[in-house]
Protein backbone atom coordinates (compact mmCIF):
# COMPACT_ATOMS: atom_id res chain seq x y z
CA UNK A 1 49.46 79.66 75.23
CA UNK A 2 45.73 78.36 75.24
CA UNK A 3 44.51 77.01 72.08
CA UNK A 4 42.93 80.00 69.84
CA UNK A 5 39.14 79.25 68.86
CA UNK A 6 37.76 79.15 65.54
CA UNK A 7 34.60 79.41 62.97
CA UNK A 8 33.31 76.53 61.19
CA UNK A 9 29.86 76.64 59.76
CA UNK A 10 29.16 79.27 61.66
CA UNK A 11 29.79 77.74 64.96
CA UNK A 12 32.68 79.22 67.40
CA UNK A 13 34.89 76.28 68.63
CA UNK A 14 36.55 76.29 71.70
CA UNK A 15 39.59 74.19 72.43
CA UNK A 16 39.94 73.68 76.33
CA UNK A 17 42.45 72.06 77.47
CA UNK A 18 42.15 70.31 80.84
CA UNK A 19 45.30 68.59 81.31
CA UNK A 20 48.65 67.22 80.05
CA UNK A 21 50.52 64.51 81.11
CA UNK A 22 51.56 60.93 80.82
CA UNK A 23 49.47 58.13 81.56
CA UNK A 24 49.97 56.81 85.25
CA UNK A 25 51.92 53.99 85.64
CA UNK A 26 48.95 51.57 86.49
CA UNK A 27 48.27 51.81 82.85
CA UNK A 28 51.03 53.04 81.15
CA UNK A 29 53.16 51.11 78.25
CA UNK A 30 55.39 51.48 76.25
CA UNK A 31 54.54 52.75 72.76
CA UNK A 32 54.80 50.33 70.68
CA UNK A 33 53.24 47.56 72.60
CA UNK A 34 50.35 50.57 72.99
CA UNK A 35 50.19 50.84 69.07
CA UNK A 36 51.57 48.37 67.47
CA UNK A 37 52.69 48.60 64.04
CA UNK A 38 53.12 52.98 64.63
CA UNK A 39 56.15 54.49 63.05
CA UNK A 40 57.14 56.29 67.26
CA UNK A 41 60.05 57.70 66.34
CA UNK A 42 62.62 58.01 68.80
CA UNK A 43 60.40 58.75 71.78
CA UNK A 44 59.10 55.48 73.98
CA UNK A 45 56.92 58.42 76.74
CA UNK A 46 53.37 59.34 75.48
CA UNK A 47 52.68 62.99 77.32
CA UNK A 48 48.36 63.27 76.25
CA UNK A 49 46.98 66.62 76.59
CA UNK A 50 42.63 66.86 78.02
CA UNK A 51 41.21 68.74 75.46
CA UNK A 52 37.30 68.86 75.47
CA UNK A 53 35.28 71.52 73.28
CA UNK A 54 32.55 74.24 74.12
CA UNK A 55 30.58 74.98 71.07
CA UNK A 56 28.37 77.69 70.72
CA UNK A 57 25.91 78.14 67.52
CA UNK A 58 24.73 81.75 65.85
CA UNK A 59 21.75 81.84 68.58
CA UNK A 60 24.10 81.31 71.37
CA UNK A 61 23.45 78.17 72.44
CA UNK A 62 26.72 76.40 73.70
CA UNK A 63 27.55 72.76 73.58
CA UNK A 64 29.99 71.36 75.81
CA UNK A 65 31.59 68.12 73.88
CA UNK A 66 33.37 65.60 76.99
CA UNK A 67 34.01 66.71 80.78
CA UNK A 68 38.11 66.10 80.95
CA UNK A 69 39.45 63.84 83.71
CA UNK A 70 37.43 64.94 87.14
CA UNK A 71 38.55 65.92 90.41
CA UNK A 72 41.26 64.58 92.81
CA UNK A 73 39.09 61.60 93.98
CA UNK A 74 37.38 61.21 90.43
CA UNK A 75 37.30 57.90 88.11
CA UNK A 76 40.00 58.75 86.44
CA UNK A 77 42.36 59.06 89.50
CA UNK A 78 44.14 56.13 88.91
CA UNK A 79 45.40 56.76 85.75
CA UNK A 80 45.24 60.34 84.98
CA UNK A 81 47.34 63.83 85.61
CA UNK A 82 43.77 64.60 87.92
CA UNK A 83 42.28 67.35 88.90
CA UNK A 84 41.03 69.09 85.41
CA UNK A 85 40.78 72.19 85.39
CA UNK A 86 38.33 72.63 83.21
CA UNK A 87 35.72 74.82 85.18
CA UNK A 88 39.02 77.75 84.82
CA UNK A 89 39.06 76.51 80.96
CA UNK A 90 35.05 77.74 80.72
CA UNK A 91 35.64 80.80 82.67
CA UNK A 92 38.65 81.66 80.15
CA UNK A 93 35.99 82.16 77.35
CA UNK A 94 33.45 83.56 79.74
CA UNK A 95 31.35 80.30 80.36
CA UNK A 96 30.08 79.33 83.92
CA UNK A 97 29.25 75.72 83.72
CA UNK A 98 24.79 76.75 84.16
CA UNK A 99 25.58 78.70 80.80
CA UNK A 100 25.76 74.87 78.84
CA UNK A 101 22.48 74.02 76.91
CA UNK A 102 23.89 70.58 76.22
CA UNK A 103 26.95 68.34 77.00
CA UNK A 104 28.04 65.25 74.92
CA UNK A 105 30.27 62.74 76.36
CA UNK A 106 31.92 60.97 73.39
CA UNK A 107 32.08 58.26 75.52
CA UNK A 108 32.44 56.64 79.35
CA UNK A 109 35.76 56.50 79.70
CA UNK A 110 36.96 58.50 82.98
CA UNK A 111 39.10 60.96 81.25
CA UNK A 112 36.33 62.24 79.41
CA UNK A 113 33.32 61.83 81.68
CA UNK A 114 34.03 62.19 85.01
CA UNK A 115 34.12 66.11 85.04
CA UNK A 116 30.12 65.39 84.23
CA UNK A 117 29.36 64.72 88.12
CA UNK A 118 31.05 66.01 91.04
CA UNK A 119 30.59 65.53 94.92
CA UNK A 120 27.18 63.58 93.53
CA UNK A 121 26.48 66.49 92.11
CA UNK A 122 25.67 67.17 88.20
CA UNK A 123 28.39 69.54 87.07
CA UNK A 124 26.33 71.67 84.50
CA UNK A 125 22.78 71.31 86.05
CA UNK A 126 21.07 73.16 83.12
CA UNK A 127 22.41 71.05 80.11
CA UNK A 128 21.18 67.40 78.04
CA UNK A 129 23.56 65.07 78.52
CA UNK A 130 23.60 62.84 75.34
CA UNK A 131 24.81 59.93 75.21
CA UNK A 132 24.28 56.89 72.65
CA UNK A 133 22.65 53.99 73.78
CA UNK A 134 25.40 51.33 73.09
CA UNK A 135 27.46 53.69 75.68
CA UNK A 136 25.10 53.50 78.73
CA UNK A 137 23.89 49.04 78.35
CA UNK A 138 27.49 48.17 78.30
CA UNK A 139 28.76 51.15 80.48
CA UNK A 140 30.45 49.41 84.37
CA UNK A 141 28.96 49.13 87.01
CA UNK A 142 30.58 52.01 88.70
CA UNK A 143 30.24 54.45 85.91
CA UNK A 144 26.63 54.44 85.72
CA UNK A 145 26.40 54.84 89.49
CA UNK A 146 28.85 58.22 90.16
CA UNK A 147 27.74 59.59 86.16
CA UNK A 148 25.28 58.17 84.45
CA UNK A 149 22.41 57.90 87.35
CA UNK A 150 23.21 61.51 89.30
CA UNK A 151 22.73 63.20 86.56
CA UNK A 152 18.57 62.54 86.41
CA UNK A 153 16.68 63.02 83.97
CA UNK A 154 19.21 65.31 82.52
CA UNK A 155 20.51 62.34 80.27
CA UNK A 156 19.28 61.93 76.90
CA UNK A 157 19.67 58.40 75.12
CA UNK A 158 20.04 58.40 71.29
CA UNK A 159 20.59 55.39 68.74
CA UNK A 160 23.10 56.03 65.92
CA UNK A 161 22.81 60.06 64.36
CA UNK A 162 21.62 62.13 66.10
CA UNK A 163 21.70 66.39 66.13
CA UNK A 164 22.35 68.09 69.14
CA UNK A 165 21.21 71.27 67.47
CA UNK A 166 20.38 72.54 64.11
CA UNK A 167 23.92 72.14 62.41
CA UNK A 168 25.75 70.09 65.32
CA UNK A 169 25.50 66.35 64.83
CA UNK A 170 26.21 63.31 65.98
CA UNK A 171 27.36 59.92 64.61
CA UNK A 172 27.51 56.69 66.23
CA UNK A 173 31.12 55.62 66.20
CA UNK A 174 32.07 52.04 67.85
CA UNK A 175 35.31 49.98 68.05
CA UNK A 176 36.71 52.37 71.27
CA UNK A 177 33.78 51.18 73.12
CA UNK A 178 30.77 49.88 71.78
CA UNK A 179 28.60 53.56 72.07
CA UNK A 180 31.44 55.88 70.91
CA UNK A 181 30.27 59.04 69.39
CA UNK A 182 32.19 61.67 67.02
CA UNK A 183 30.08 65.44 66.46
CA UNK A 184 29.75 66.77 63.40
CA UNK A 185 30.19 70.58 62.58
CA UNK A 186 30.44 71.49 59.15
CA UNK A 187 33.77 69.57 57.75
CA UNK A 188 35.37 69.74 61.15
CA UNK A 189 34.79 66.14 63.30
CA UNK A 190 35.56 66.38 66.86
CA UNK A 191 36.93 63.04 67.06
CA UNK A 192 36.58 61.77 70.71
CA UNK A 193 39.23 57.86 70.89
CA UNK A 194 38.85 57.29 67.09
CA UNK A 195 41.88 58.79 67.01
CA UNK A 196 44.01 58.51 69.97
CA UNK A 197 47.40 59.61 68.13
CA UNK A 198 49.35 61.02 65.54
CA UNK A 199 50.29 57.77 64.12
CA UNK A 200 46.88 56.81 63.04
CA UNK A 201 46.68 58.88 60.69
CA UNK A 202 49.51 57.91 59.14
CA UNK A 203 48.00 53.75 58.95
CA UNK A 204 44.76 53.97 60.36
CA UNK A 205 45.00 50.02 60.96
CA UNK A 206 47.41 50.84 63.77
CA UNK A 207 45.47 49.60 66.27
CA UNK A 208 45.40 50.77 70.68
CA UNK A 209 45.73 48.88 72.84
CA UNK A 210 43.21 49.70 75.19
CA UNK A 211 40.19 49.53 72.15
CA UNK A 212 36.60 47.79 73.83
CA UNK A 213 37.38 46.38 70.03
CA UNK A 214 40.85 47.18 67.94
CA UNK A 215 39.23 45.31 64.60
CA UNK A 216 36.57 47.71 64.85
CA UNK A 217 38.16 50.68 66.23
CA UNK A 218 40.52 50.40 62.62
CA UNK A 219 37.37 49.74 60.34
CA UNK A 220 35.61 52.90 62.11
CA UNK A 221 38.59 55.36 61.49
CA UNK A 222 39.76 54.64 58.97
CA UNK A 223 36.41 55.28 57.33
CA UNK A 224 35.87 58.31 59.34
CA UNK A 225 39.43 59.48 58.18
CA UNK A 226 38.70 59.55 54.82
CA UNK A 227 35.19 61.17 54.55
CA UNK A 228 37.13 63.76 56.45
CA UNK A 229 39.98 64.00 53.80
CA UNK A 230 38.02 63.97 50.97
CA UNK A 231 36.33 67.05 52.00
CA UNK A 232 39.43 68.33 52.52
CA UNK A 233 38.20 68.20 56.24
CA UNK A 234 39.23 69.33 59.90
CA UNK A 235 39.70 66.99 62.89
CA UNK A 236 40.08 67.99 66.81
CA UNK A 237 41.49 65.22 68.70
CA UNK A 238 40.94 64.58 72.67
CA UNK A 239 44.55 64.07 73.03
CA UNK A 240 46.89 65.08 70.49
CA UNK A 241 48.98 68.76 71.68
CA UNK A 242 47.24 70.48 68.76
CA UNK A 243 43.31 70.12 69.02
CA UNK A 244 43.20 70.79 65.12
CA UNK A 245 44.68 68.90 62.77
CA UNK A 246 43.45 69.49 58.41
CA UNK A 247 43.99 66.80 56.34
CA UNK A 248 43.70 66.19 52.96
CA UNK A 249 45.13 69.61 52.00
């Protein structure tokens, strides 16, 4: 059953399930290796849900957060369950790619960015695409060539905190990548890969083996979760089975 939308601070938030599946053999590791120190229970298989999110404000303007794993030949094809179905998910909620006003890419890992450009052409032709400068500056050449440069003048580079639209804000959250960013709407934070697995909710110090800077990522994660819990807010995650998690009671 499709995940249901919620409304936060006057903004509709639609979870879009782009794909579901485990990591491919090229990077798959047992959970205790990927999240050392976490309490994983009996299962050693991590089945990821690849969530993107559509935000629609009271004026009808739309923001897409992340663009998924992309087509069969995307940068994610070596390890993620391609092709993604983001286009079908957008159609399910009544939105066409041309109606997207802004795209926020939380970071340039292939499962978050590969749906932005397909066949060398931007998928969301009328949208600004927002990236942190630190992410662009440290991205691999292949990612720049296949994702960023084809977007041309649609790229909007920001430094740190920025507003996408009134009430929809970007926050720089480095660690997983140098220019990772999250989106805040009211008391909801769309966390990207600041939080990857539920074990990190119980202990934010649990590292993820594919973080660029695990120590910095842990500090960022702890600070973000503490802030959301203090507000009794929610997070919307990229890879949990359920998109929304209420924190702080």
